[in-house]
Amino acid sequence: MGGSTHFLPAAGWLLGAGLLCCLGRGVALPFPDFGIPGPVSNSAKVRTGALAISNDFNNVDEYGIELLSSYSTLAIVRDTLYSISEEVASAGKAIGTAFATLATSTGPSIDTVFNGATSAITSMEALLSTSFTEEYTTLENAIGSYVTDEFRDSFTELTGALNSLRQAVGRLKPAVEQAKTASKNSATIAPTLISKYVTPKMIQDVLDGLVRTRANIQVITYTVTNSLSKLEVADEFIIDITAEAEMQSVGVESAFEEFSIATTSVASDTSDELVEALQEGYGLETDAIALIQTELDASTDFTINFVPQLSTVDGILGTAALASFGLDINDRIADYLELLGAVDDDVTTFFSDEACLPIFELVHVLIDNGPYATFCFEKYAAQVFNLFPNFVSLASNCYADESVKLDALYVAVLPLVQLILFDVEDLSESLTTCISYPDDALCFSMISPLYETLLALTTTKRDYILQLFEHETDASVQRFSACYHAQKFRLRQVMYELETDVELCETEGPLGG
């Protein structure tokens, strides 16, 4: 195929027709033609018209396109259009060549040059009427019948023009033969003798047939170039929207990554604050206890009955215990983010499996080339294109909502530190009080079971913070999943409405969709 050539069909054929009509009424320079050794008036104009037809038929298959998307239907339609246009162009150029040869032939055989012209017409008629059944079926299976209807219409008109041209040539041939016979096969036939048999109207009829034929070529060229140009637009649209979908898929991943980084950071800071607050409060007690440690060690009642409680306290609020506590919070956040990240892992599949429906519905409206093709495509292209960024925006809002709700969790757990510290803030004071009594008073024995019960509750409160993180992050996964899938259904509804609107626009026009 050749390079991209753009046509203005109406202007082109009117200009060509006008020129041929003007030429038909002009005065030609006489030279031997139409298979006889003598000048026929206006034969040069027939040659000019024939060459113009060759040029116009050459334009039928000059428009070439490169398709870069992977949508095979576009290539199937393009190659089928190429096949039709190449065959029509080849047969048409043969007509132009045959008539140019006819107009300038000096013989000796009239039959040879006239038969060449009529054979070229016959070949084209056969091509137009019987040769494209397979191509029509391919096109109609791929894009419906609009394009094949245009071909059938223009081929019918062209066949009618060719029939007129055949008839004109059929009337001209016997006249030329009569002129040759009347000249007794003279080496040169006088113009006066030729004009006696070959009338101006006969030549004008041939010119008119050429003009009518040429006018119908432009319609075929329009169908081919218009259809190919729409394939080109559709191909670019598919490439662009595929790139957009891929970019927006990354956008969903980016939204999760941003949420994950922010959540990990805030959760880690919150964990550190919890640990530091507990360490600080418990540290005040351990510092105070250290001041009376000698007296405590001297008490048998303390050593036997209360030392286990201090071990329990250290197991709850000691350095190792709080380090483990902080890690547990961070581990729960990590597990949460892993679960959350799995929710939107299907975004690429979702885009490819479901968003393709309105995309290809719109593409087909364009390449089907119906009466409203361009309007409907332009009306809905941006809306279809925006499906992807709109969905990413909605999904990002789901992350934003959860970020706000998790902030409430962080705010809620910090006051719980004080509830835990309440349980140990009087510990050093209680121990100081007990050492002021002799061992046989059994003060430590009295308070030890009370602290045992209290510290069990302290453990429960500490574990409650972990459970609160666990339950709230689990709840967050469910909330996010509900939000994310709701947005998917929202997008499905928009896609369904778009698909319906595009279909209505194709059949009903501007007010249909």
Protein backbone atom coordinates (compact mmCIF):
# COMPACT_ATOMS: atom_id res chain seq x y z
CA MET A 1 0.00 0.00 0.00
CA GLY A 2 1.10 3.56 -0.56
CA GLY A 3 1.41 6.52 1.76
CA SER A 4 -1.45 8.31 3.48
CA THR A 5 -3.37 10.51 1.04
CA HIS A 6 -6.40 12.49 2.14
CA PHE A 7 -9.22 13.21 -0.26
CA LEU A 8 -12.11 15.62 -0.48
CA PRO A 9 -14.43 13.35 -2.47
CA ALA A 10 -17.12 15.85 -3.43
CA ALA A 11 -14.72 18.57 -4.48
CA GLY A 12 -12.45 16.09 -6.24
CA TRP A 13 -14.99 14.48 -8.54
CA LEU A 14 -16.83 17.73 -9.29
CA LEU A 15 -13.57 19.35 -10.33
CA GLY A 16 -12.65 16.33 -12.43
CA ALA A 17 -16.09 16.16 -14.01
CA GLY A 18 -16.02 19.85 -14.78
CA LEU A 19 -12.63 19.62 -16.41
CA LEU A 20 -13.68 16.68 -18.55
CA CYS A 21 -16.87 18.44 -19.61
CA CYS A 22 -14.88 21.49 -20.58
CA LEU A 23 -12.39 19.35 -22.41
CA GLY A 24 -15.20 17.52 -24.14
CA ARG A 25 -16.47 20.76 -25.61
CA GLY A 26 -13.06 22.02 -26.66
CA VAL A 27 -11.11 21.61 -29.87
CA ALA A 28 -8.51 18.85 -29.99
CA LEU A 29 -5.35 18.78 -31.99
CA PRO A 30 -6.04 16.14 -34.67
CA PHE A 31 -3.93 13.00 -34.76
CA PRO A 32 -4.58 9.38 -35.78
CA ASP A 33 -6.69 7.53 -33.17
CA PHE A 34 -9.43 4.99 -32.33
CA GLY A 35 -7.69 2.30 -34.34
CA ILE A 36 -7.65 4.16 -37.69
CA PRO A 37 -5.02 6.28 -39.42
CA GLY A 38 -6.98 9.51 -39.16
CA PRO A 39 -7.83 12.20 -36.63
CA VAL A 40 -11.06 11.96 -34.65
CA SER A 41 -12.22 15.22 -33.11
CA ASN A 42 -11.80 15.35 -29.30
CA SER A 43 -9.98 12.03 -29.12
CA ALA A 44 -7.28 13.77 -27.09
CA LYS A 45 -9.89 14.58 -24.48
CA VAL A 46 -10.85 10.92 -24.32
CA ARG A 47 -7.22 10.11 -23.66
CA THR A 48 -7.02 12.78 -20.95
CA GLY A 49 -10.18 11.45 -19.33
CA ALA A 50 -8.86 7.90 -19.47
CA LEU A 51 -5.58 8.89 -17.83
CA ALA A 52 -7.52 10.76 -15.13
CA ILE A 53 -9.49 7.58 -14.45
CA SER A 54 -6.26 5.62 -14.12
CA ASN A 55 -4.97 8.18 -11.66
CA ASP A 56 -8.20 8.14 -9.64
CA PHE A 57 -8.29 4.36 -9.49
CA ASN A 58 -4.68 4.46 -8.36
CA ASN A 59 -5.84 6.58 -5.41
CA VAL A 60 -8.31 3.89 -4.34
CA ASP A 61 -5.54 1.84 -2.74
CA GLU A 62 -3.06 4.59 -1.92
CA TYR A 63 -4.13 5.01 1.72
CA GLY A 64 -2.05 2.79 3.99
CA ILE A 65 -2.10 2.51 7.78
CA GLU A 66 0.09 0.92 10.43
CA LEU A 67 -1.69 -0.80 13.31
CA LEU A 68 0.17 -1.13 16.60
CA SER A 69 -2.45 -2.49 18.99
CA SER A 70 -3.02 -6.20 19.49
CA TYR A 71 -6.73 -6.06 18.59
CA SER A 72 -6.80 -8.51 15.69
CA THR A 73 -10.17 -7.35 14.32
CA LEU A 74 -8.55 -4.12 13.15
CA ALA A 75 -5.93 -5.99 11.13
CA ILE A 76 -8.56 -8.32 9.67
CA VAL A 77 -10.68 -5.39 8.51
CA ARG A 78 -7.66 -3.48 7.21
CA ASP A 79 -6.35 -6.40 5.19
CA THR A 80 -9.81 -7.07 3.75
CA LEU A 81 -10.16 -3.43 2.73
CA TYR A 82 -6.70 -3.62 1.19
CA SER A 83 -7.73 -6.69 -0.79
CA ILE A 84 -10.87 -5.04 -2.16
CA SER A 85 -9.20 -1.72 -2.92
CA GLU A 86 -6.20 -3.32 -4.61
CA GLU A 87 -8.35 -5.43 -6.92
CA VAL A 88 -10.64 -2.52 -7.78
CA ALA A 89 -7.66 -0.23 -8.35
CA SER A 90 -5.93 -2.75 -10.58
CA ALA A 91 -9.04 -3.39 -12.68
CA GLY A 92 -9.81 0.31 -12.83
CA LYS A 93 -6.35 1.29 -13.97
CA ALA A 94 -6.67 -1.33 -16.69
CA ILE A 95 -9.80 0.48 -17.92
CA GLY A 96 -7.97 3.80 -17.98
CA THR A 97 -5.01 2.31 -19.80
CA ALA A 98 -7.25 0.54 -22.32
CA PHE A 99 -9.18 3.73 -23.15
CA ALA A 100 -6.01 5.82 -23.37
CA THR A 101 -4.65 3.21 -25.79
CA LEU A 102 -7.93 3.20 -27.73
CA ALA A 103 -7.97 6.97 -28.07
CA THR A 104 -4.45 7.11 -29.53
CA SER A 105 -4.31 3.88 -31.55
CA THR A 106 -3.62 4.10 -35.28
CA GLY A 107 -4.53 0.47 -35.88
CA PRO A 108 -4.18 -1.60 -37.86
CA SER A 109 -6.78 -3.60 -35.92
CA ILE A 110 -9.89 -1.77 -34.76
CA ASP A 111 -11.12 -4.93 -33.03
CA THR A 112 -7.98 -5.23 -30.94
CA VAL A 113 -8.16 -1.78 -29.34
CA PHE A 114 -11.95 -1.68 -28.95
CA ASN A 115 -12.02 -5.19 -27.56
CA GLY A 116 -9.28 -4.18 -25.11
CA ALA A 117 -11.52 -1.40 -23.81
CA THR A 118 -14.65 -3.52 -23.56
CA SER A 119 -12.74 -6.43 -22.02
CA ALA A 120 -11.42 -4.11 -19.32
CA ILE A 121 -15.01 -3.02 -18.60
CA THR A 122 -16.19 -6.64 -18.54
CA SER A 123 -13.43 -7.62 -16.11
CA MET A 124 -14.36 -4.77 -13.79
CA GLU A 125 -18.07 -5.63 -13.97
CA ALA A 126 -17.33 -9.25 -13.12
CA LEU A 127 -15.09 -8.17 -10.26
CA LEU A 128 -17.70 -5.86 -8.79
CA SER A 129 -20.58 -8.30 -9.09
CA THR A 130 -19.09 -11.64 -8.06
CA SER A 131 -15.58 -11.43 -6.65
CA PHE A 132 -16.00 -10.01 -3.15
CA THR A 133 -18.37 -12.49 -1.51
CA GLU A 134 -15.70 -13.77 0.85
CA GLU A 135 -14.47 -10.28 1.67
CA TYR A 136 -18.00 -9.07 2.36
CA THR A 137 -18.59 -11.99 4.72
CA THR A 138 -15.35 -11.23 6.56
CA LEU A 139 -16.22 -7.55 6.93
CA GLU A 140 -19.80 -8.19 8.03
CA ASN A 141 -18.68 -10.74 10.62
CA ALA A 142 -16.16 -8.26 11.98
CA ILE A 143 -17.91 -4.87 11.76
CA GLY A 144 -21.44 -5.33 10.48
CA SER A 145 -22.85 -4.27 7.12
CA TYR A 146 -22.40 -0.49 6.93
CA VAL A 147 -19.14 -0.66 4.98
CA THR A 148 -20.26 -3.48 2.69
CA ASP A 149 -23.50 -1.58 2.02
CA GLU A 150 -21.40 1.38 0.91
CA PHE A 151 -19.33 -0.86 -1.35
CA ARG A 152 -22.43 -2.47 -2.85
CA ASP A 153 -24.00 0.92 -3.46
CA SER A 154 -20.91 2.46 -5.05
CA PHE A 155 -20.18 -0.68 -7.07
CA THR A 156 -23.76 -0.65 -8.38
CA GLU A 157 -23.37 2.97 -9.44
CA LEU A 158 -19.98 2.27 -10.99
CA THR A 159 -21.41 -0.71 -12.86
CA GLY A 160 -24.12 1.55 -14.27
CA ALA A 161 -21.50 4.07 -15.38
CA LEU A 162 -19.42 1.34 -16.98
CA ASN A 163 -22.49 0.07 -18.80
CA SER A 164 -23.05 3.55 -20.24
CA LEU A 165 -19.40 3.64 -21.25
CA ARG A 166 -19.70 0.22 -22.88
CA GLN A 167 -22.74 1.35 -24.85
CA ALA A 168 -20.96 4.51 -25.97
CA VAL A 169 -18.00 2.48 -27.16
CA GLY A 170 -20.40 0.05 -28.81
CA ARG A 171 -21.89 2.90 -30.86
CA LEU A 172 -18.49 4.36 -31.67
CA LYS A 173 -16.86 1.18 -32.97
CA PRO A 174 -19.14 0.56 -36.00
CA ALA A 175 -18.85 4.23 -36.93
CA VAL A 176 -15.07 4.01 -36.92
CA GLU A 177 -15.26 0.79 -38.94
CA GLN A 178 -17.54 2.50 -41.48
CA ALA A 179 -15.09 5.36 -41.82
CA LYS A 180 -12.25 2.95 -42.44
CA THR A 181 -14.30 0.98 -44.96
CA ALA A 182 -15.32 4.17 -46.75
CA SER A 183 -11.65 5.15 -47.05
CA LYS A 184 -11.00 1.84 -48.77
CA ASN A 185 -8.33 1.13 -46.18
CA SER A 186 -6.39 4.21 -47.15
CA ALA A 187 -3.10 4.81 -45.38
CA THR A 188 -4.54 8.11 -44.17
CA ILE A 189 -8.22 8.90 -43.65
CA ALA A 190 -9.34 12.47 -44.19
CA PRO A 191 -11.03 14.28 -41.27
CA THR A 192 -14.05 15.09 -43.44
CA LEU A 193 -14.63 11.44 -44.13
CA ILE A 194 -14.22 10.50 -40.48
CA SER A 195 -16.64 13.19 -39.30
CA LYS A 196 -19.23 11.88 -41.74
CA TYR A 197 -19.46 8.65 -39.71
CA VAL A 198 -17.99 9.50 -36.29
CA THR A 199 -20.23 12.25 -34.94
CA PRO A 200 -19.31 14.62 -32.09
CA LYS A 201 -22.10 13.10 -30.00
CA MET A 202 -20.47 9.67 -30.19
CA ILE A 203 -17.25 11.06 -28.75
CA GLN A 204 -19.18 13.11 -26.22
CA ASP A 205 -21.01 9.98 -25.09
CA VAL A 206 -17.66 8.31 -24.46
CA LEU A 207 -16.49 11.39 -22.56
CA ASP A 208 -19.69 11.45 -20.53
CA GLY A 209 -19.22 7.76 -19.72
CA LEU A 210 -15.69 8.48 -18.53
CA VAL A 211 -16.91 11.41 -16.42
CA ARG A 212 -19.63 9.32 -14.83
CA THR A 213 -17.19 6.49 -14.20
CA ARG A 214 -14.70 8.84 -12.63
CA ALA A 215 -17.34 10.37 -10.39
CA ASN A 216 -18.09 6.97 -8.90
CA ILE A 217 -14.44 6.18 -8.24
CA GLN A 218 -14.37 8.94 -5.64
CA VAL A 219 -17.13 7.24 -3.65
CA ILE A 220 -15.16 4.00 -3.51
CA THR A 221 -12.05 5.89 -2.47
CA TYR A 222 -14.06 7.58 0.26
CA THR A 223 -15.32 4.26 1.65
CA VAL A 224 -11.82 2.79 1.70
CA THR A 225 -10.01 5.81 3.14
CA ASN A 226 -12.75 6.66 5.61
CA SER A 227 -12.89 3.09 6.88
CA LEU A 228 -9.11 2.83 7.14
CA SER A 229 -8.84 6.18 8.91
CA LYS A 230 -11.34 5.01 11.52
CA LEU A 231 -9.31 1.84 12.04
CA GLU A 232 -6.31 4.07 12.61
CA VAL A 233 -8.18 6.19 15.17
CA ALA A 234 -9.49 3.06 16.89
CA ASP A 235 -5.99 1.60 17.02
CA GLU A 236 -4.59 4.75 18.62
CA PHE A 237 -7.48 4.81 21.08
CA ILE A 238 -6.86 1.20 22.12
CA ILE A 239 -3.15 1.88 22.59
CA ASP A 240 -3.81 5.03 24.62
CA ILE A 241 -6.51 3.53 26.81
CA THR A 242 -4.44 0.38 27.39
CA ALA A 243 -1.56 2.55 28.55
CA GLU A 244 -3.98 4.50 30.76
CA ALA A 245 -5.36 1.31 32.29
CA GLU A 246 -1.85 0.04 32.99
CA MET A 247 -0.86 3.36 34.53
CA GLN A 248 -3.99 3.47 36.68
CA SER A 249 -3.42 -0.12 37.79
CA VAL A 250 -0.09 1.09 39.09
CA GLY A 251 -2.01 4.00 40.61
CA VAL A 252 -4.01 1.60 42.78
CA GLU A 253 -0.79 -0.10 43.81
CA SER A 254 0.72 3.30 44.58
CA ALA A 255 -2.28 4.24 46.70
CA PHE A 256 -1.78 1.06 48.71
CA GLU A 257 1.96 1.65 49.02
CA GLU A 258 1.40 5.18 50.29
CA PHE A 259 -1.19 3.93 52.76
CA SER A 260 1.09 1.08 53.82
CA ILE A 261 4.07 3.35 54.43
CA ALA A 262 2.00 5.89 56.34
CA THR A 263 0.23 3.22 58.41
CA THR A 264 3.46 1.42 59.25
CA SER A 265 5.07 4.68 60.30
CA VAL A 266 2.17 5.89 62.47
CA ALA A 267 1.66 2.45 64.02
CA SER A 268 5.35 2.21 64.82
CA ASP A 269 5.30 5.66 66.40
CA THR A 270 2.21 4.71 68.40
CA SER A 271 3.85 1.47 69.52
CA ASP A 272 6.93 3.40 70.60
CA GLU A 273 4.79 5.88 72.51
CA LEU A 274 2.96 3.09 74.31
CA VAL A 275 6.19 1.33 75.26
CA GLU A 276 7.89 4.54 76.34
CA ALA A 277 4.93 5.61 78.47
CA LEU A 278 4.76 2.21 80.17
CA GLN A 279 8.52 2.14 80.65
CA GLU A 280 8.48 5.60 82.15
CA GLY A 281 5.64 4.85 84.58
CA TYR A 282 7.04 1.49 85.60
CA GLY A 283 10.52 2.96 85.85
CA LEU A 284 9.38 5.38 88.55
CA GLU A 285 8.30 2.40 90.64
CA THR A 286 11.44 0.34 90.04
CA ASP A 287 13.61 3.34 90.96
CA ALA A 288 11.69 3.80 94.19
CA ILE A 289 11.85 0.09 95.01
CA ALA A 290 15.62 0.11 94.42
CA LEU A 291 15.96 2.60 97.29
CA ILE A 292 14.47 0.09 99.75
CA GLN A 293 15.86 -3.07 98.18
CA THR A 294 18.19 -3.80 101.13
CA GLU A 295 15.34 -3.69 103.60
CA LEU A 296 13.20 -5.83 101.31
CA ASP A 297 15.89 -8.46 100.97
CA ALA A 298 16.15 -8.63 104.76
CA SER A 299 12.48 -9.55 105.05
CA THR A 300 11.73 -13.26 104.99
CA ASP A 301 8.04 -12.54 104.45
CA PHE A 302 8.93 -10.46 101.36
CA THR A 303 11.36 -13.01 99.99
CA ILE A 304 9.00 -15.92 100.38
CA ASN A 305 5.64 -14.34 99.62
CA PHE A 306 6.08 -11.25 97.42
CA VAL A 307 9.13 -11.75 95.19
CA PRO A 308 7.02 -13.84 92.71
CA GLN A 309 4.71 -10.85 92.24
CA LEU A 310 7.63 -8.62 91.33
CA SER A 311 8.67 -11.22 88.77
CA THR A 312 5.14 -11.12 87.39
CA VAL A 313 5.22 -7.32 87.17
CA ASP A 314 8.53 -7.48 85.33
CA GLY A 315 7.03 -10.03 82.96
CA ILE A 316 4.33 -7.50 82.16
CA LEU A 317 6.17 -4.18 82.17
CA GLY A 318 9.86 -5.07 82.13
CA THR A 319 12.20 -4.12 79.30
CA ALA A 320 12.00 -7.48 77.51
CA ALA A 321 8.23 -7.71 77.98
CA LEU A 322 7.61 -4.23 76.58
CA ALA A 323 9.96 -4.84 73.65
CA SER A 324 7.93 -7.94 72.80
CA PHE A 325 4.73 -5.95 73.28
CA GLY A 326 5.89 -3.32 70.77
CA LEU A 327 6.89 -5.99 68.25
CA ASP A 328 3.50 -7.66 68.63
CA ILE A 329 1.76 -4.40 67.69
CA ASN A 330 3.99 -3.93 64.65
CA ASP A 331 3.47 -7.56 63.62
CA ARG A 332 -0.29 -7.11 63.75
CA ILE A 333 -0.02 -4.03 61.54
CA ALA A 334 2.18 -5.96 59.08
CA ASP A 335 -0.36 -8.81 58.95
CA TYR A 336 -3.12 -6.26 58.45
CA LEU A 337 -1.37 -4.62 55.53
CA GLU A 338 -0.74 -7.99 53.91
CA LEU A 339 -4.45 -8.80 54.11
CA LEU A 340 -5.41 -5.35 52.88
CA GLY A 341 -3.00 -5.52 49.95
CA ALA A 342 -4.56 -8.77 48.78
CA VAL A 343 -7.97 -7.10 48.43
CA ASP A 344 -7.04 -5.00 45.38
CA ASP A 345 -4.67 -7.50 43.76
CA ASP A 346 -7.38 -8.13 41.17
CA VAL A 347 -7.44 -4.60 39.76
CA THR A 348 -5.51 -5.50 36.58
CA THR A 349 -7.72 -8.53 35.98
CA PHE A 350 -10.79 -6.46 36.72
CA PHE A 351 -9.77 -3.83 34.20
CA SER A 352 -8.95 -6.37 31.48
CA ASP A 353 -11.94 -8.65 32.05
CA GLU A 354 -14.73 -6.15 32.59
CA ALA A 355 -13.71 -2.67 31.46
CA CYS A 356 -13.01 -4.00 27.98
CA LEU A 357 -16.73 -4.32 27.23
CA PRO A 358 -17.54 -0.60 26.82
CA ILE A 359 -14.14 0.01 25.24
CA PHE A 360 -14.68 -2.45 22.43
CA GLU A 361 -18.33 -1.47 22.08
CA LEU A 362 -17.13 2.07 21.41
CA VAL A 363 -14.34 0.89 19.12
CA HIS A 364 -16.84 -1.11 17.09
CA VAL A 365 -19.22 1.82 16.78
CA LEU A 366 -16.34 3.70 15.19
CA ILE A 367 -15.02 0.99 12.88
CA ASP A 368 -18.49 -0.25 11.96
CA ASN A 369 -18.59 3.10 10.19
CA GLY A 370 -22.30 3.71 10.56
CA PRO A 371 -23.97 7.08 10.02
CA TYR A 372 -23.30 8.20 13.61
CA ALA A 373 -19.89 6.55 14.04
CA THR A 374 -17.73 9.63 14.52
CA PHE A 375 -20.28 11.49 16.62
CA CYS A 376 -20.86 8.57 18.99
CA PHE A 377 -17.15 7.89 19.33
CA GLU A 378 -16.35 11.51 20.13
CA LYS A 379 -19.30 11.69 22.53
CA TYR A 380 -18.26 8.72 24.64
CA ALA A 381 -14.49 8.33 24.15
CA ALA A 382 -13.57 10.60 27.05
CA GLN A 383 -16.14 8.98 29.33
CA VAL A 384 -14.77 5.50 28.60
CA PHE A 385 -11.20 6.77 28.96
CA ASN A 386 -12.01 8.24 32.38
CA LEU A 387 -13.34 4.95 33.75
CA PHE A 388 -9.87 4.00 34.94
CA PRO A 389 -8.75 7.19 36.73
CA ASN A 390 -12.21 7.52 38.25
CA PHE A 391 -11.99 4.03 39.71
CA VAL A 392 -8.50 4.66 41.07
CA SER A 393 -9.74 7.86 42.69
CA LEU A 394 -12.61 5.98 44.34
CA ALA A 395 -10.31 3.18 45.51
CA SER A 396 -7.87 5.75 46.88
CA ASN A 397 -10.74 7.28 48.84
CA CYS A 398 -11.28 3.90 50.48
CA TYR A 399 -7.68 3.99 51.69
CA ALA A 400 -8.08 7.58 52.86
CA ASP A 401 -11.18 6.67 54.85
CA GLU A 402 -9.35 3.85 56.60
CA SER A 403 -6.42 6.09 57.38
CA VAL A 404 -8.74 8.45 59.26
CA LYS A 405 -10.38 5.58 61.15
CA LEU A 406 -7.05 4.08 62.16
CA ASP A 407 -6.02 7.46 63.52
CA ALA A 408 -8.90 7.07 65.97
CA LEU A 409 -7.42 3.73 67.05
CA TYR A 410 -4.07 5.31 67.78
CA VAL A 411 -5.73 8.04 69.78
CA ALA A 412 -7.85 5.51 71.69
CA VAL A 413 -5.04 3.21 72.87
CA LEU A 414 -2.76 5.84 74.39
CA PRO A 415 -5.07 6.58 77.37
CA LEU A 416 -5.12 2.85 78.13
CA VAL A 417 -1.50 3.17 79.25
CA GLN A 418 -2.61 5.10 82.30
CA LEU A 419 -5.15 2.40 83.16
CA ILE A 420 -2.30 -0.12 83.19
CA LEU A 421 -0.01 2.11 85.23
CA PHE A 422 -2.73 2.65 87.81
CA ASP A 423 -2.14 -0.99 88.81
CA VAL A 424 1.54 -0.46 89.72
CA GLU A 425 1.82 3.20 90.63
CA ASP A 426 1.30 2.41 94.37
CA LEU A 427 3.58 -0.64 94.36
CA SER A 428 6.65 1.01 95.87
CA GLU A 429 4.52 2.75 98.48
CA SER A 430 2.89 -0.55 99.47
CA LEU A 431 6.29 -2.23 99.82
CA THR A 432 7.62 0.69 101.86
CA THR A 433 4.66 0.39 104.20
CA CYS A 434 5.14 -3.36 104.67
CA ILE A 435 8.83 -3.16 105.59
CA SER A 436 7.92 -0.86 108.45
CA TYR A 437 6.28 -3.85 110.15
CA PRO A 438 8.07 -6.91 111.56
CA ASP A 439 7.98 -10.12 109.55
CA ASP A 440 5.59 -11.78 111.95
CA ALA A 441 2.99 -9.19 110.98
CA LEU A 442 2.87 -10.93 107.57
CA CYS A 443 2.14 -7.69 105.66
CA PHE A 444 3.64 -9.05 102.44
CA SER A 445 1.64 -12.24 102.86
CA MET A 446 -1.50 -10.14 103.15
CA ILE A 447 -1.01 -8.05 99.98
CA SER A 448 0.60 -10.73 97.79
CA PRO A 449 -2.62 -12.48 96.68
CA LEU A 450 -4.23 -9.11 96.08
CA TYR A 451 -1.41 -8.13 93.75
CA GLU A 452 -1.55 -11.54 92.11
CA THR A 453 -5.18 -10.92 91.18
CA LEU A 454 -4.44 -7.31 90.24
CA LEU A 455 -1.52 -8.21 87.98
CA ALA A 456 -3.64 -10.80 86.19
CA LEU A 457 -6.01 -7.96 85.38
CA THR A 458 -3.05 -5.82 84.35
CA THR A 459 -2.00 -8.52 81.92
CA THR A 460 -5.53 -8.60 80.56
CA LYS A 461 -5.48 -4.83 80.02
CA ARG A 462 -2.12 -4.99 78.26
CA ASP A 463 -3.36 -7.83 76.08
CA TYR A 464 -6.52 -5.85 75.44
CA ILE A 465 -4.44 -3.23 73.65
CA LEU A 466 -3.09 -5.96 71.37
CA GLN A 467 -6.57 -7.34 70.85
CA LEU A 468 -7.86 -3.87 70.07
CA PHE A 469 -5.22 -3.54 67.34
CA GLU A 470 -6.10 -7.00 66.07
CA HIS A 471 -9.86 -6.49 66.06
CA GLU A 472 -9.73 -2.98 64.65
CA THR A 473 -7.33 -3.91 61.85
CA ASP A 474 -9.53 -6.92 61.02
CA ALA A 475 -12.49 -4.56 60.95
CA SER A 476 -10.51 -2.21 58.73
CA VAL A 477 -9.88 -5.01 56.23
CA GLN A 478 -13.60 -5.72 56.09
CA ARG A 479 -14.50 -2.04 55.76
CA PHE A 480 -11.95 -1.52 53.02
CA SER A 481 -13.04 -4.66 51.18
CA ALA A 482 -16.65 -3.52 51.28
CA CYS A 483 -15.67 -0.06 50.06
CA TYR A 484 -13.41 -1.39 47.30
CA HIS A 485 -15.91 -3.92 45.98
CA ALA A 486 -18.71 -1.37 46.19
CA GLN A 487 -16.65 0.88 43.92
CA LYS A 488 -16.15 -2.04 41.54
CA PHE A 489 -19.90 -2.52 41.36
CA ARG A 490 -20.31 1.20 40.90
CA LEU A 491 -17.88 1.06 38.00
CA ARG A 492 -19.70 -1.97 36.58
CA GLN A 493 -22.92 0.01 36.60
CA VAL A 494 -21.27 2.95 34.85
CA MET A 495 -19.76 0.57 32.28
CA TYR A 496 -23.13 -1.07 31.68
CA GLU A 497 -24.80 2.30 31.21
CA LEU A 498 -22.03 3.43 28.87
CA GLU A 499 -22.27 0.25 26.83
CA THR A 500 -26.05 0.71 26.54
CA ASP A 501 -25.73 4.39 25.63
CA VAL A 502 -23.12 3.66 22.98
CA GLU A 503 -25.34 0.99 21.41
CA LEU A 504 -28.31 3.37 21.37
CA CYS A 505 -26.20 6.15 19.89
CA GLU A 506 -25.09 3.86 17.07
CA THR A 507 -28.66 3.00 16.12
CA GLU A 508 -30.61 6.10 17.14
CA GLY A 509 -28.09 8.88 16.67
CA PRO A 510 -27.36 11.97 18.79
CA LEU A 511 -30.52 11.83 20.89
CA GLY A 512 -30.48 8.08 21.29
CA GLY A 513 -27.59 7.61 23.69
